Amino acid sequence: MIDLLIVAIVGYLAGAIPFSYIAGKVFAGIDLRKHGSGNLGASNTFRLLGAKIAIGVLVGDVGKGFLPVYFAPACGLTGTIADHWLMLAAAFFAVVGHMFSVFVGFSGGKGVATAAGAYLALAPLALLITFVVFAVVFAGKRIVSLASLSGAVALPIIVVLLNVTGIAISHWSLLAVSILITIVVLVKHHSNIKRLLAGEEPALGRTRTSENNG
């Protein structure tokens, strides 16, 4: 169990690095939690600081999901826990760290980019297909939160389909963690879901003061 504990702590602390908060302070002297959507993520960074800085934040958020998962097996010091369990633990806690960062009062983003980084290491084919879902929805509606929610819901379905078809066989635990991550992403998007149902969620590029994706 010590291996899982180490991985969970490392994954959480890596995920908790608030790149958008740091970018706001360094490049504009502002706390992004008090401007725009108030969300610590690449979307709010894009609206307030521009594309170049937002891309850097996005890369950082993806990286802090990928790196803990990729190197999680190296934390298997006792050799009593299978590598896939270590990687799944790192993935889940990295996403939780991004959403509830200890470094910024347990606030954070919506976890989408960090989850993408984690699945780049865990299940790249599932991530690729999920990204296609995201891209198709975004191209049609230009609403980041709707595209993110569509991808989140599609993820566990895609994992199941890849297993059923034999294209990418994975342990049942991948599906379990995929469902957990989908649930926490949906919970974090609760305000977005309310606006989507009310037809009040604006497309990317429109002025807004409410909370969006990150």
N, C-alpha and C. Protein backbone atom coordinates (compact mmCIF):
# COMPACT_ATOMS: atom_id res chain seq x y z
N MET A 1 0.81 -1.22 0.00
CA MET A 1 0.00 0.00 0.00
C MET A 1 0.84 1.27 0.00
N ILE A 2 2.08 1.15 0.49
CA ILE A 2 2.94 2.33 0.52
C ILE A 2 3.18 2.86 -0.89
N ASP A 3 3.25 1.95 -1.86
CA ASP A 3 3.46 2.36 -3.24
C ASP A 3 2.29 3.22 -3.74
N LEU A 4 1.07 2.77 -3.46
CA LEU A 4 -0.12 3.52 -3.87
C LEU A 4 -0.17 4.88 -3.18
N LEU A 5 0.21 4.92 -1.92
CA LEU A 5 0.21 6.19 -1.19
C LEU A 5 1.19 7.17 -1.80
N ILE A 6 2.38 6.69 -2.14
CA ILE A 6 3.39 7.56 -2.75
C ILE A 6 2.89 8.09 -4.08
N VAL A 7 2.34 7.20 -4.90
CA VAL A 7 1.83 7.59 -6.21
C VAL A 7 0.69 8.60 -6.08
N ALA A 8 -0.21 8.36 -5.13
CA ALA A 8 -1.34 9.26 -4.93
C ALA A 8 -0.87 10.65 -4.54
N ILE A 9 0.11 10.72 -3.64
CA ILE A 9 0.62 12.02 -3.18
C ILE A 9 1.34 12.75 -4.31
N VAL A 10 2.21 12.01 -5.01
CA VAL A 10 2.95 12.63 -6.12
C VAL A 10 1.99 13.08 -7.22
N GLY A 11 1.02 12.22 -7.55
CA GLY A 11 0.05 12.57 -8.58
C GLY A 11 -0.75 13.79 -8.19
N TYR A 12 -1.21 13.84 -6.94
CA TYR A 12 -2.00 14.99 -6.49
C TYR A 12 -1.18 16.28 -6.53
N LEU A 13 0.04 16.24 -6.00
CA LEU A 13 0.86 17.45 -5.95
C LEU A 13 1.23 17.94 -7.35
N ALA A 14 1.49 16.99 -8.26
CA ALA A 14 1.77 17.39 -9.64
C ALA A 14 0.54 18.03 -10.27
N GLY A 15 -0.61 17.39 -10.09
CA GLY A 15 -1.84 17.93 -10.65
C GLY A 15 -2.22 19.26 -10.04
N ALA A 16 -1.79 19.50 -8.81
CA ALA A 16 -2.17 20.71 -8.10
C ALA A 16 -1.37 21.94 -8.52
N ILE A 17 -0.32 21.77 -9.31
CA ILE A 17 0.46 22.93 -9.76
C ILE A 17 -0.46 23.83 -10.59
N PRO A 18 -0.74 25.05 -10.14
CA PRO A 18 -1.73 25.91 -10.81
C PRO A 18 -1.10 26.78 -11.92
N PHE A 19 -0.85 26.18 -13.05
CA PHE A 19 -0.15 26.91 -14.11
C PHE A 19 -0.90 28.17 -14.54
N SER A 20 -2.21 28.12 -14.62
CA SER A 20 -2.95 29.31 -15.03
C SER A 20 -2.86 30.42 -13.99
N TYR A 21 -2.90 30.04 -12.72
CA TYR A 21 -2.75 31.02 -11.65
C TYR A 21 -1.38 31.69 -11.73
N ILE A 22 -0.35 30.86 -11.91
CA ILE A 22 1.02 31.38 -12.02
C ILE A 22 1.14 32.31 -13.22
N ALA A 23 0.55 31.90 -14.35
CA ALA A 23 0.61 32.72 -15.56
C ALA A 23 -0.06 34.07 -15.34
N GLY A 24 -1.20 34.06 -14.66
CA GLY A 24 -1.90 35.31 -14.39
C GLY A 24 -1.08 36.26 -13.55
N LYS A 25 -0.41 35.70 -12.53
CA LYS A 25 0.42 36.52 -11.66
C LYS A 25 1.66 37.04 -12.37
N VAL A 26 2.31 36.17 -13.14
CA VAL A 26 3.57 36.53 -13.79
C VAL A 26 3.36 37.50 -14.94
N PHE A 27 2.37 37.24 -15.79
CA PHE A 27 2.22 38.02 -17.01
C PHE A 27 1.26 39.20 -16.91
N ALA A 28 0.38 39.18 -15.91
CA ALA A 28 -0.58 40.28 -15.81
C ALA A 28 -0.77 40.79 -14.39
N GLY A 29 -0.13 40.15 -13.42
CA GLY A 29 -0.27 40.59 -12.05
C GLY A 29 -1.67 40.44 -11.49
N ILE A 30 -2.41 39.46 -11.99
CA ILE A 30 -3.78 39.26 -11.55
C ILE A 30 -4.00 37.82 -11.07
N ASP A 31 -5.03 37.68 -10.28
CA ASP A 31 -5.48 36.36 -9.84
C ASP A 31 -6.63 35.95 -10.76
N LEU A 32 -6.42 34.94 -11.58
CA LEU A 32 -7.43 34.55 -12.56
C LEU A 32 -8.73 34.11 -11.90
N ARG A 33 -8.68 33.76 -10.63
CA ARG A 33 -9.90 33.38 -9.94
C ARG A 33 -10.84 34.56 -9.74
N LYS A 34 -10.31 35.78 -9.89
CA LYS A 34 -11.10 37.00 -9.68
C LYS A 34 -11.42 37.72 -10.98
N HIS A 35 -11.11 37.07 -12.10
CA HIS A 35 -11.35 37.71 -13.40
C HIS A 35 -11.94 36.70 -14.38
N GLY A 36 -12.62 37.23 -15.38
CA GLY A 36 -13.21 36.37 -16.40
C GLY A 36 -14.19 35.39 -15.80
N SER A 37 -14.01 34.12 -16.12
CA SER A 37 -14.89 33.07 -15.59
C SER A 37 -14.56 32.72 -14.15
N GLY A 38 -13.37 33.14 -13.69
CA GLY A 38 -12.94 32.79 -12.34
C GLY A 38 -12.38 31.38 -12.25
N ASN A 39 -12.23 30.74 -13.39
CA ASN A 39 -11.77 29.36 -13.42
C ASN A 39 -10.27 29.29 -13.71
N LEU A 40 -9.58 28.39 -13.04
CA LEU A 40 -8.15 28.22 -13.27
C LEU A 40 -7.93 27.14 -14.32
N GLY A 41 -7.97 27.56 -15.57
CA GLY A 41 -7.78 26.63 -16.67
C GLY A 41 -7.36 27.36 -17.92
N ALA A 42 -7.09 26.61 -18.96
CA ALA A 42 -6.60 27.20 -20.20
C ALA A 42 -7.63 28.10 -20.88
N SER A 43 -8.92 27.77 -20.75
CA SER A 43 -9.96 28.58 -21.40
C SER A 43 -10.00 30.00 -20.86
N ASN A 44 -10.01 30.11 -19.54
CA ASN A 44 -10.02 31.45 -18.92
C ASN A 44 -8.72 32.18 -19.19
N THR A 45 -7.61 31.44 -19.21
CA THR A 45 -6.32 32.04 -19.55
C THR A 45 -6.36 32.61 -20.96
N PHE A 46 -6.96 31.88 -21.89
CA PHE A 46 -7.07 32.34 -23.28
C PHE A 46 -7.85 33.65 -23.36
N ARG A 47 -8.95 33.72 -22.65
CA ARG A 47 -9.79 34.91 -22.70
C ARG A 47 -9.11 36.13 -22.10
N LEU A 48 -8.31 35.91 -21.06
CA LEU A 48 -7.72 37.03 -20.34
C LEU A 48 -6.30 37.37 -20.75
N LEU A 49 -5.53 36.37 -21.12
CA LEU A 49 -4.10 36.59 -21.38
C LEU A 49 -3.68 36.31 -22.81
N GLY A 50 -4.57 35.74 -23.62
CA GLY A 50 -4.24 35.50 -25.02
C GLY A 50 -3.82 34.07 -25.31
N ALA A 51 -3.72 33.80 -26.60
CA ALA A 51 -3.51 32.43 -27.07
C ALA A 51 -2.14 31.87 -26.68
N LYS A 52 -1.08 32.68 -26.82
CA LYS A 52 0.27 32.16 -26.57
C LYS A 52 0.42 31.67 -25.13
N ILE A 53 -0.03 32.48 -24.20
CA ILE A 53 0.09 32.09 -22.80
C ILE A 53 -0.84 30.91 -22.49
N ALA A 54 -2.02 30.94 -23.10
CA ALA A 54 -2.98 29.85 -22.88
C ALA A 54 -2.43 28.51 -23.37
N ILE A 55 -1.72 28.54 -24.49
CA ILE A 55 -1.12 27.31 -25.01
C ILE A 55 -0.10 26.78 -24.03
N GLY A 56 0.70 27.68 -23.46
CA GLY A 56 1.67 27.25 -22.45
C GLY A 56 1.00 26.63 -21.25
N VAL A 57 -0.10 27.23 -20.79
CA VAL A 57 -0.86 26.69 -19.66
C VAL A 57 -1.43 25.33 -20.03
N LEU A 58 -1.97 25.22 -21.24
CA LEU A 58 -2.54 23.95 -21.69
C LEU A 58 -1.50 22.84 -21.70
N VAL A 59 -0.32 23.15 -22.21
CA VAL A 59 0.77 22.17 -22.24
C VAL A 59 1.15 21.76 -20.82
N GLY A 60 1.20 22.74 -19.92
CA GLY A 60 1.51 22.43 -18.53
C GLY A 60 0.46 21.55 -17.88
N ASP A 61 -0.81 21.86 -18.15
CA ASP A 61 -1.90 21.08 -17.56
C ASP A 61 -1.92 19.65 -18.11
N VAL A 62 -1.64 19.51 -19.39
CA VAL A 62 -1.56 18.17 -19.97
C VAL A 62 -0.35 17.42 -19.39
N GLY A 63 0.76 18.12 -19.30
CA GLY A 63 1.99 17.50 -18.80
C GLY A 63 1.88 17.01 -17.38
N LYS A 64 1.17 17.77 -16.53
CA LYS A 64 1.07 17.35 -15.13
C LYS A 64 0.12 16.17 -14.97
N GLY A 65 -0.63 15.84 -16.02
CA GLY A 65 -1.40 14.60 -16.02
C GLY A 65 -0.59 13.45 -16.58
N PHE A 66 0.19 13.74 -17.61
CA PHE A 66 0.96 12.69 -18.28
C PHE A 66 2.14 12.18 -17.44
N LEU A 67 2.95 13.09 -16.93
CA LEU A 67 4.20 12.69 -16.28
C LEU A 67 4.01 11.81 -15.04
N PRO A 68 3.11 12.15 -14.11
CA PRO A 68 2.94 11.26 -12.96
C PRO A 68 2.48 9.85 -13.34
N VAL A 69 1.63 9.78 -14.37
CA VAL A 69 1.14 8.47 -14.80
C VAL A 69 2.25 7.67 -15.48
N TYR A 70 2.97 8.33 -16.35
CA TYR A 70 4.04 7.67 -17.10
C TYR A 70 5.12 7.11 -16.17
N PHE A 71 5.44 7.88 -15.12
CA PHE A 71 6.52 7.46 -14.21
C PHE A 71 6.01 6.74 -12.96
N ALA A 72 4.70 6.53 -12.88
CA ALA A 72 4.14 5.86 -11.69
C ALA A 72 4.75 4.49 -11.42
N PRO A 73 5.01 3.65 -12.45
CA PRO A 73 5.60 2.34 -12.17
C PRO A 73 6.94 2.42 -11.44
N ALA A 74 7.65 3.54 -11.62
CA ALA A 74 8.94 3.69 -10.95
C ALA A 74 8.77 3.86 -9.44
N CYS A 75 7.53 4.19 -9.03
CA CYS A 75 7.26 4.35 -7.60
C CYS A 75 6.88 3.03 -6.94
N GLY A 76 6.85 1.97 -7.73
CA GLY A 76 6.52 0.66 -7.18
C GLY A 76 7.70 0.07 -6.44
N LEU A 77 8.05 0.66 -5.33
CA LEU A 77 9.28 0.29 -4.61
C LEU A 77 9.21 -1.10 -4.00
N THR A 78 8.03 -1.50 -3.54
CA THR A 78 7.92 -2.80 -2.88
C THR A 78 7.60 -3.93 -3.86
N GLY A 79 7.12 -3.56 -5.04
CA GLY A 79 6.78 -4.57 -6.04
C GLY A 79 5.53 -5.36 -5.72
N THR A 80 4.71 -4.85 -4.79
CA THR A 80 3.51 -5.58 -4.40
C THR A 80 2.26 -5.11 -5.13
N ILE A 81 2.35 -3.98 -5.84
CA ILE A 81 1.20 -3.42 -6.56
C ILE A 81 1.50 -3.43 -8.05
N ALA A 82 0.57 -3.95 -8.85
CA ALA A 82 0.76 -3.99 -10.31
C ALA A 82 0.87 -2.58 -10.88
N ASP A 83 1.66 -2.45 -11.95
CA ASP A 83 1.91 -1.14 -12.54
C ASP A 83 0.63 -0.43 -12.95
N HIS A 84 -0.36 -1.18 -13.48
CA HIS A 84 -1.55 -0.50 -13.97
C HIS A 84 -2.33 0.15 -12.83
N TRP A 85 -2.27 -0.43 -11.63
CA TRP A 85 -2.93 0.20 -10.48
C TRP A 85 -2.22 1.49 -10.09
N LEU A 86 -0.90 1.46 -10.14
CA LEU A 86 -0.13 2.66 -9.81
C LEU A 86 -0.44 3.78 -10.81
N MET A 87 -0.51 3.43 -12.09
CA MET A 87 -0.79 4.43 -13.12
C MET A 87 -2.20 5.00 -12.99
N LEU A 88 -3.15 4.14 -12.67
CA LEU A 88 -4.52 4.60 -12.51
C LEU A 88 -4.66 5.51 -11.30
N ALA A 89 -3.97 5.17 -10.22
CA ALA A 89 -4.00 6.02 -9.03
C ALA A 89 -3.40 7.38 -9.33
N ALA A 90 -2.28 7.39 -10.05
CA ALA A 90 -1.64 8.65 -10.41
C ALA A 90 -2.57 9.49 -11.28
N ALA A 91 -3.26 8.85 -12.21
CA ALA A 91 -4.18 9.56 -13.11
C ALA A 91 -5.30 10.22 -12.33
N PHE A 92 -5.95 9.45 -11.48
CA PHE A 92 -7.10 9.98 -10.75
C PHE A 92 -6.69 11.12 -9.83
N PHE A 93 -5.60 10.94 -9.09
CA PHE A 93 -5.22 11.97 -8.13
C PHE A 93 -4.62 13.20 -8.80
N ALA A 94 -4.04 13.05 -9.98
CA ALA A 94 -3.58 14.23 -10.73
C ALA A 94 -4.77 15.09 -11.14
N VAL A 95 -5.84 14.44 -11.59
CA VAL A 95 -7.05 15.17 -11.98
C VAL A 95 -7.66 15.86 -10.76
N VAL A 96 -7.74 15.15 -9.65
CA VAL A 96 -8.28 15.73 -8.42
C VAL A 96 -7.41 16.90 -7.96
N GLY A 97 -6.10 16.75 -8.09
CA GLY A 97 -5.19 17.82 -7.71
C GLY A 97 -5.42 19.07 -8.53
N HIS A 98 -5.67 18.91 -9.82
CA HIS A 98 -5.95 20.07 -10.67
C HIS A 98 -7.26 20.74 -10.27
N MET A 99 -8.25 19.95 -9.91
CA MET A 99 -9.56 20.50 -9.56
C MET A 99 -9.56 21.16 -8.18
N PHE A 100 -8.79 20.58 -7.24
CA PHE A 100 -8.79 21.05 -5.85
C PHE A 100 -7.35 21.21 -5.39
N SER A 101 -6.71 22.25 -5.89
CA SER A 101 -5.28 22.44 -5.62
C SER A 101 -5.03 23.00 -4.23
N VAL A 102 -4.17 22.33 -3.49
CA VAL A 102 -3.80 22.78 -2.15
C VAL A 102 -3.05 24.10 -2.21
N PHE A 103 -2.46 24.42 -3.36
CA PHE A 103 -1.66 25.63 -3.50
C PHE A 103 -2.50 26.90 -3.69
N VAL A 104 -3.77 26.75 -4.04
CA VAL A 104 -4.63 27.91 -4.26
C VAL A 104 -5.97 27.73 -3.53
N GLY A 105 -5.88 27.31 -2.28
CA GLY A 105 -7.07 27.20 -1.45
C GLY A 105 -8.06 26.16 -1.90
N PHE A 106 -7.57 25.08 -2.49
CA PHE A 106 -8.39 23.96 -2.96
C PHE A 106 -9.39 24.37 -4.05
N SER A 107 -9.03 25.41 -4.79
CA SER A 107 -9.77 25.74 -6.01
C SER A 107 -9.00 25.16 -7.18
N GLY A 108 -9.48 25.37 -8.40
CA GLY A 108 -8.78 24.83 -9.56
C GLY A 108 -9.63 24.84 -10.80
N GLY A 109 -9.23 24.05 -11.78
CA GLY A 109 -9.94 23.99 -13.04
C GLY A 109 -10.88 22.81 -13.10
N LYS A 110 -11.32 22.49 -14.31
CA LYS A 110 -12.33 21.45 -14.50
C LYS A 110 -11.73 20.07 -14.78
N GLY A 111 -10.40 20.00 -14.94
CA GLY A 111 -9.73 18.70 -15.02
C GLY A 111 -9.61 18.07 -16.39
N VAL A 112 -10.13 18.72 -17.42
CA VAL A 112 -10.18 18.09 -18.74
C VAL A 112 -8.78 17.92 -19.34
N ALA A 113 -7.99 18.99 -19.34
CA ALA A 113 -6.65 18.91 -19.93
C ALA A 113 -5.75 17.94 -19.16
N THR A 114 -5.85 17.97 -17.84
CA THR A 114 -5.04 17.07 -17.02
C THR A 114 -5.45 15.62 -17.23
N ALA A 115 -6.75 15.38 -17.35
CA ALA A 115 -7.23 14.03 -17.66
C ALA A 115 -6.73 13.58 -19.01
N ALA A 116 -6.69 14.49 -19.98
CA ALA A 116 -6.18 14.16 -21.31
C ALA A 116 -4.72 13.73 -21.23
N GLY A 117 -3.93 14.44 -20.44
CA GLY A 117 -2.54 14.07 -20.26
C GLY A 117 -2.38 12.71 -19.62
N ALA A 118 -3.23 12.44 -18.63
CA ALA A 118 -3.18 11.14 -17.96
C ALA A 118 -3.49 10.01 -18.93
N TYR A 119 -4.49 10.21 -19.79
CA TYR A 119 -4.88 9.15 -20.73
C TYR A 119 -3.92 9.05 -21.91
N LEU A 120 -3.13 10.09 -22.13
CA LEU A 120 -2.08 9.98 -23.13
C LEU A 120 -1.09 8.89 -22.71
N ALA A 121 -0.89 8.75 -21.40
CA ALA A 121 -0.01 7.69 -20.88
C ALA A 121 -0.76 6.40 -20.65
N LEU A 122 -2.03 6.48 -20.23
CA LEU A 122 -2.80 5.30 -19.88
C LEU A 122 -3.35 4.55 -21.09
N ALA A 123 -4.05 5.30 -21.94
CA ALA A 123 -4.80 4.69 -23.05
C ALA A 123 -4.85 5.68 -24.22
N PRO A 124 -3.76 5.81 -24.95
CA PRO A 124 -3.69 6.83 -26.00
C PRO A 124 -4.74 6.68 -27.10
N LEU A 125 -5.11 5.45 -27.46
CA LEU A 125 -6.12 5.28 -28.50
C LEU A 125 -7.48 5.77 -28.01
N ALA A 126 -7.83 5.43 -26.79
CA ALA A 126 -9.08 5.92 -26.21
C ALA A 126 -9.09 7.45 -26.15
N LEU A 127 -7.95 8.03 -25.80
CA LEU A 127 -7.83 9.48 -25.77
C LEU A 127 -8.03 10.07 -27.16
N LEU A 128 -7.42 9.47 -28.17
CA LEU A 128 -7.53 9.97 -29.54
C LEU A 128 -8.99 10.00 -30.00
N ILE A 129 -9.71 8.93 -29.75
CA ILE A 129 -11.11 8.86 -30.17
C ILE A 129 -11.94 9.86 -29.37
N THR A 130 -11.63 10.00 -28.08
CA THR A 130 -12.33 10.98 -27.25
C THR A 130 -12.08 12.38 -27.76
N PHE A 131 -10.86 12.65 -28.20
CA PHE A 131 -10.54 13.97 -28.75
C PHE A 131 -11.32 14.23 -30.03
N VAL A 132 -11.52 13.20 -30.83
CA VAL A 132 -12.32 13.36 -32.05
C VAL A 132 -13.74 13.77 -31.69
N VAL A 133 -14.30 13.13 -30.65
CA VAL A 133 -15.64 13.51 -30.18
C VAL A 133 -15.65 14.97 -29.75
N PHE A 134 -14.65 15.35 -28.96
CA PHE A 134 -14.52 16.74 -28.51
C PHE A 134 -14.47 17.69 -29.71
N ALA A 135 -13.61 17.36 -30.68
CA ALA A 135 -13.41 18.23 -31.82
C ALA A 135 -14.66 18.39 -32.67
N VAL A 136 -15.38 17.30 -32.87
CA VAL A 136 -16.60 17.34 -33.68
C VAL A 136 -17.65 18.22 -33.01
N VAL A 137 -17.84 18.02 -31.70
CA VAL A 137 -18.83 18.82 -30.97
C VAL A 137 -18.42 20.29 -30.94
N PHE A 138 -17.14 20.53 -30.71
CA PHE A 138 -16.68 21.92 -30.65
C PHE A 138 -16.81 22.60 -32.01
N ALA A 139 -16.48 21.89 -33.07
CA ALA A 139 -16.60 22.46 -34.41
C ALA A 139 -18.04 22.83 -34.73
N GLY A 140 -18.97 22.03 -34.22
CA GLY A 140 -20.38 22.29 -34.51
C GLY A 140 -20.99 23.38 -33.65
N LYS A 141 -20.58 23.46 -32.39
CA LYS A 141 -21.23 24.39 -31.45
C LYS A 141 -20.35 25.52 -30.94
N ARG A 142 -19.04 25.34 -31.02
CA ARG A 142 -18.08 26.33 -30.52
C ARG A 142 -18.24 26.59 -29.02
N ILE A 143 -18.72 25.58 -28.31
CA ILE A 143 -18.88 25.70 -26.86
C ILE A 143 -17.93 24.71 -26.19
N VAL A 144 -16.91 25.23 -25.52
CA VAL A 144 -15.87 24.38 -24.95
C VAL A 144 -16.45 23.42 -23.91
N SER A 145 -17.32 23.94 -23.04
CA SER A 145 -17.85 23.08 -21.98
C SER A 145 -18.67 21.93 -22.55
N LEU A 146 -19.46 22.20 -23.59
CA LEU A 146 -20.26 21.14 -24.20
C LEU A 146 -19.37 20.09 -24.84
N ALA A 147 -18.31 20.53 -25.53
CA ALA A 147 -17.37 19.59 -26.14
C ALA A 147 -16.65 18.77 -25.07
N SER A 148 -16.28 19.42 -23.97
CA SER A 148 -15.59 18.73 -22.88
C SER A 148 -16.50 17.70 -22.23
N LEU A 149 -17.74 18.08 -21.98
CA LEU A 149 -18.69 17.16 -21.38
C LEU A 149 -18.98 15.98 -22.30
N SER A 150 -19.07 16.25 -23.59
CA SER A 150 -19.30 15.18 -24.56
C SER A 150 -18.15 14.19 -24.55
N GLY A 151 -16.93 14.71 -24.51
CA GLY A 151 -15.76 13.84 -24.46
C GLY A 151 -15.70 13.04 -23.17
N ALA A 152 -16.04 13.70 -22.05
CA ALA A 152 -16.01 13.02 -20.75
C ALA A 152 -17.00 11.86 -20.70
N VAL A 153 -18.20 12.10 -21.21
CA VAL A 153 -19.22 11.04 -21.22
C VAL A 153 -18.84 9.92 -22.18
N ALA A 154 -18.21 10.30 -23.29
CA ALA A 154 -17.83 9.31 -24.29
C ALA A 154 -16.68 8.41 -23.84
N LEU A 155 -15.82 8.93 -22.96
CA LEU A 155 -14.60 8.20 -22.59
C LEU A 155 -14.85 6.78 -22.09
N PRO A 156 -15.65 6.56 -21.06
CA PRO A 156 -15.85 5.17 -20.61
C PRO A 156 -16.53 4.30 -21.65
N ILE A 157 -17.39 4.91 -22.47
CA ILE A 157 -18.04 4.15 -23.55
C ILE A 157 -17.01 3.68 -24.55
N ILE A 158 -16.08 4.56 -24.88
CA ILE A 158 -15.01 4.22 -25.82
C ILE A 158 -14.13 3.11 -25.26
N VAL A 159 -13.81 3.18 -23.97
CA VAL A 159 -13.00 2.14 -23.33
C VAL A 159 -13.70 0.79 -23.46
N VAL A 160 -15.01 0.77 -23.23
CA VAL A 160 -15.78 -0.47 -23.35
C VAL A 160 -15.76 -0.98 -24.79
N LEU A 161 -16.00 -0.10 -25.75
CA LEU A 161 -16.05 -0.50 -27.15
C LEU A 161 -14.70 -1.04 -27.64
N LEU A 162 -13.63 -0.42 -27.21
CA LEU A 162 -12.30 -0.89 -27.60
C LEU A 162 -12.03 -2.29 -27.06
N ASN A 163 -12.55 -2.57 -25.86
CA ASN A 163 -12.41 -3.90 -25.28
C ASN A 163 -13.28 -4.92 -26.00
N VAL A 164 -14.53 -4.56 -26.23
CA VAL A 164 -15.48 -5.48 -26.85
C VAL A 164 -15.02 -5.87 -28.26
N THR A 165 -14.50 -4.90 -28.99
CA THR A 165 -14.06 -5.16 -30.36
C THR A 165 -12.67 -5.80 -30.41
N GLY A 166 -11.98 -5.82 -29.28
CA GLY A 166 -10.65 -6.41 -29.24
C GLY A 166 -9.57 -5.50 -29.80
N ILE A 167 -9.92 -4.26 -30.08
CA ILE A 167 -8.94 -3.33 -30.66
C ILE A 167 -7.90 -2.94 -29.62
N ALA A 168 -8.35 -2.72 -28.40
CA ALA A 168 -7.42 -2.35 -27.33
C ALA A 168 -7.93 -2.94 -26.02
N ILE A 169 -7.44 -4.12 -25.67
CA ILE A 169 -7.87 -4.80 -24.46
C ILE A 169 -7.22 -4.14 -23.24
N SER A 170 -8.03 -3.83 -22.24
CA SER A 170 -7.51 -3.22 -21.03
C SER A 170 -8.12 -3.90 -19.80
N HIS A 171 -7.47 -3.72 -18.67
CA HIS A 171 -7.97 -4.27 -17.41
C HIS A 171 -9.26 -3.54 -17.02
N TRP A 172 -10.17 -4.23 -16.32
CA TRP A 172 -11.45 -3.62 -15.93
C TRP A 172 -11.26 -2.36 -15.11
N SER A 173 -10.13 -2.25 -14.46
CA SER A 173 -9.89 -1.08 -13.61
C SER A 173 -9.80 0.21 -14.41
N LEU A 174 -9.39 0.13 -15.68
CA LEU A 174 -9.35 1.32 -16.52
C LEU A 174 -10.76 1.88 -16.71
N LEU A 175 -11.71 1.00 -16.93
CA LEU A 175 -13.10 1.44 -17.07
C LEU A 175 -13.59 2.06 -15.77
N ALA A 176 -13.27 1.43 -14.64
CA ALA A 176 -13.72 1.95 -13.34
C ALA A 176 -13.20 3.36 -13.10
N VAL A 177 -11.91 3.57 -13.36
CA VAL A 177 -11.33 4.89 -13.15
C VAL A 177 -11.85 5.89 -14.18
N SER A 178 -12.11 5.42 -15.40
CA SER A 178 -12.68 6.29 -16.42
C SER A 178 -14.05 6.80 -15.98
N ILE A 179 -14.83 5.93 -15.39
CA ILE A 179 -16.15 6.33 -14.90
C ILE A 179 -16.01 7.34 -13.75
N LEU A 180 -15.07 7.09 -12.85
CA LEU A 180 -14.84 8.01 -11.74
C LEU A 180 -14.42 9.39 -12.24
N ILE A 181 -13.51 9.41 -13.20
CA ILE A 181 -13.05 10.70 -13.73
C ILE A 181 -14.18 11.41 -14.45
N THR A 182 -14.99 10.66 -15.19
CA THR A 182 -16.15 11.26 -15.85
C THR A 182 -17.08 11.89 -14.83
N ILE A 183 -17.30 11.21 -13.72
CA ILE A 183 -18.20 11.73 -12.68
C ILE A 183 -17.67 13.03 -12.09
N VAL A 184 -16.39 13.07 -11.74
CA VAL A 184 -15.85 14.29 -11.12
C VAL A 184 -15.82 15.44 -12.12
N VAL A 185 -15.57 15.14 -13.40
CA VAL A 185 -15.61 16.19 -14.43
C VAL A 185 -17.03 16.73 -14.57
N LEU A 186 -18.02 15.86 -14.55
CA LEU A 186 -19.42 16.30 -14.64
C LEU A 186 -19.79 17.15 -13.43
N VAL A 187 -19.36 16.73 -12.25
CA VAL A 187 -19.67 17.50 -11.05
C VAL A 187 -19.04 18.89 -11.12
N LYS A 188 -17.79 18.96 -11.58
CA LYS A 188 -17.10 20.23 -11.70
C LYS A 188 -17.77 21.15 -12.74
N HIS A 189 -18.46 20.55 -13.69
CA HIS A 189 -19.15 21.31 -14.73
C HIS A 189 -20.62 21.56 -14.40
N HIS A 190 -21.01 21.42 -13.13
CA HIS A 190 -22.43 21.51 -12.80
C HIS A 190 -23.06 22.84 -13.23
N SER A 191 -22.31 23.94 -13.05
CA SER A 191 -22.87 25.24 -13.45
C SER A 191 -22.97 25.34 -14.97
N ASN A 192 -22.02 24.77 -15.67
CA ASN A 192 -22.07 24.77 -17.13
C ASN A 192 -23.28 23.97 -17.64
N ILE A 193 -23.52 22.84 -16.97
CA ILE A 193 -24.65 21.99 -17.36
C ILE A 193 -25.96 22.75 -17.19
N LYS A 194 -26.09 23.49 -16.09
CA LYS A 194 -27.30 24.28 -15.87
C LYS A 194 -27.49 25.31 -16.98
N ARG A 195 -26.41 25.99 -17.37
CA ARG A 195 -26.52 27.00 -18.43
C ARG A 195 -26.79 26.37 -19.78
N LEU A 196 -26.20 25.20 -20.03
CA LEU A 196 -26.46 24.51 -21.29
C LEU A 196 -27.93 24.12 -21.39
N LEU A 197 -28.49 23.62 -20.31
CA LEU A 197 -29.89 23.23 -20.32
C LEU A 197 -30.81 24.44 -20.49
N ALA A 198 -30.33 25.59 -20.00
CA ALA A 198 -31.13 26.82 -20.12
C ALA A 198 -30.84 27.57 -21.43
N GLY A 199 -29.89 27.04 -22.21
CA GLY A 199 -29.53 27.71 -23.46
C GLY A 199 -28.77 28.99 -23.25
N GLU A 200 -28.06 29.10 -22.14
CA GLU A 200 -27.36 30.34 -21.78
C GLU A 200 -25.84 30.22 -21.82
N GLU A 201 -25.33 29.09 -22.25
CA GLU A 201 -23.87 28.89 -22.28
C GLU A 201 -23.34 29.47 -23.60
N PRO A 202 -22.54 30.55 -23.53
CA PRO A 202 -22.06 31.19 -24.76
C PRO A 202 -20.95 30.41 -25.46
N ALA A 203 -20.83 30.64 -26.73
CA ALA A 203 -19.77 30.02 -27.52
C ALA A 203 -18.44 30.70 -27.25
N LEU A 204 -17.37 30.02 -27.58
CA LEU A 204 -16.03 30.58 -27.38
C LEU A 204 -15.89 31.87 -28.16
N GLY A 205 -15.32 32.87 -27.47
CA GLY A 205 -15.11 34.15 -28.14
C GLY A 205 -16.12 35.20 -27.75
N ARG A 206 -17.25 34.77 -27.18
CA ARG A 206 -18.24 35.73 -26.72
C ARG A 206 -17.92 36.17 -25.31
N THR A 207 -18.23 37.41 -25.00
CA THR A 207 -17.96 37.94 -23.67
C THR A 207 -18.80 37.22 -22.64
N ARG A 208 -18.18 36.93 -21.52
CA ARG A 208 -18.90 36.25 -20.46
C ARG A 208 -18.32 36.59 -19.11
N THR A 209 -19.11 36.47 -18.10
CA THR A 209 -18.63 36.70 -16.74
C THR A 209 -18.85 35.48 -15.89
N SER A 210 -19.50 34.50 -16.48
CA SER A 210 -19.80 33.28 -15.74
C SER A 210 -18.72 32.25 -15.92
N GLU A 211 -18.83 31.16 -15.22
CA GLU A 211 -17.80 30.12 -15.17
C GLU A 211 -17.85 29.22 -16.38
N ASN A 212 -16.69 28.85 -16.88
CA ASN A 212 -16.66 27.92 -18.01
C ASN A 212 -15.70 26.79 -17.73
N ASN A 213 -15.12 26.30 -18.79
CA ASN A 213 -14.30 25.09 -18.71
C ASN A 213 -12.84 25.42 -18.47
N GLY A 214 -12.08 24.42 -17.96
CA GLY A 214 -10.66 24.64 -17.83
C GLY A 214 -9.92 23.37 -17.57
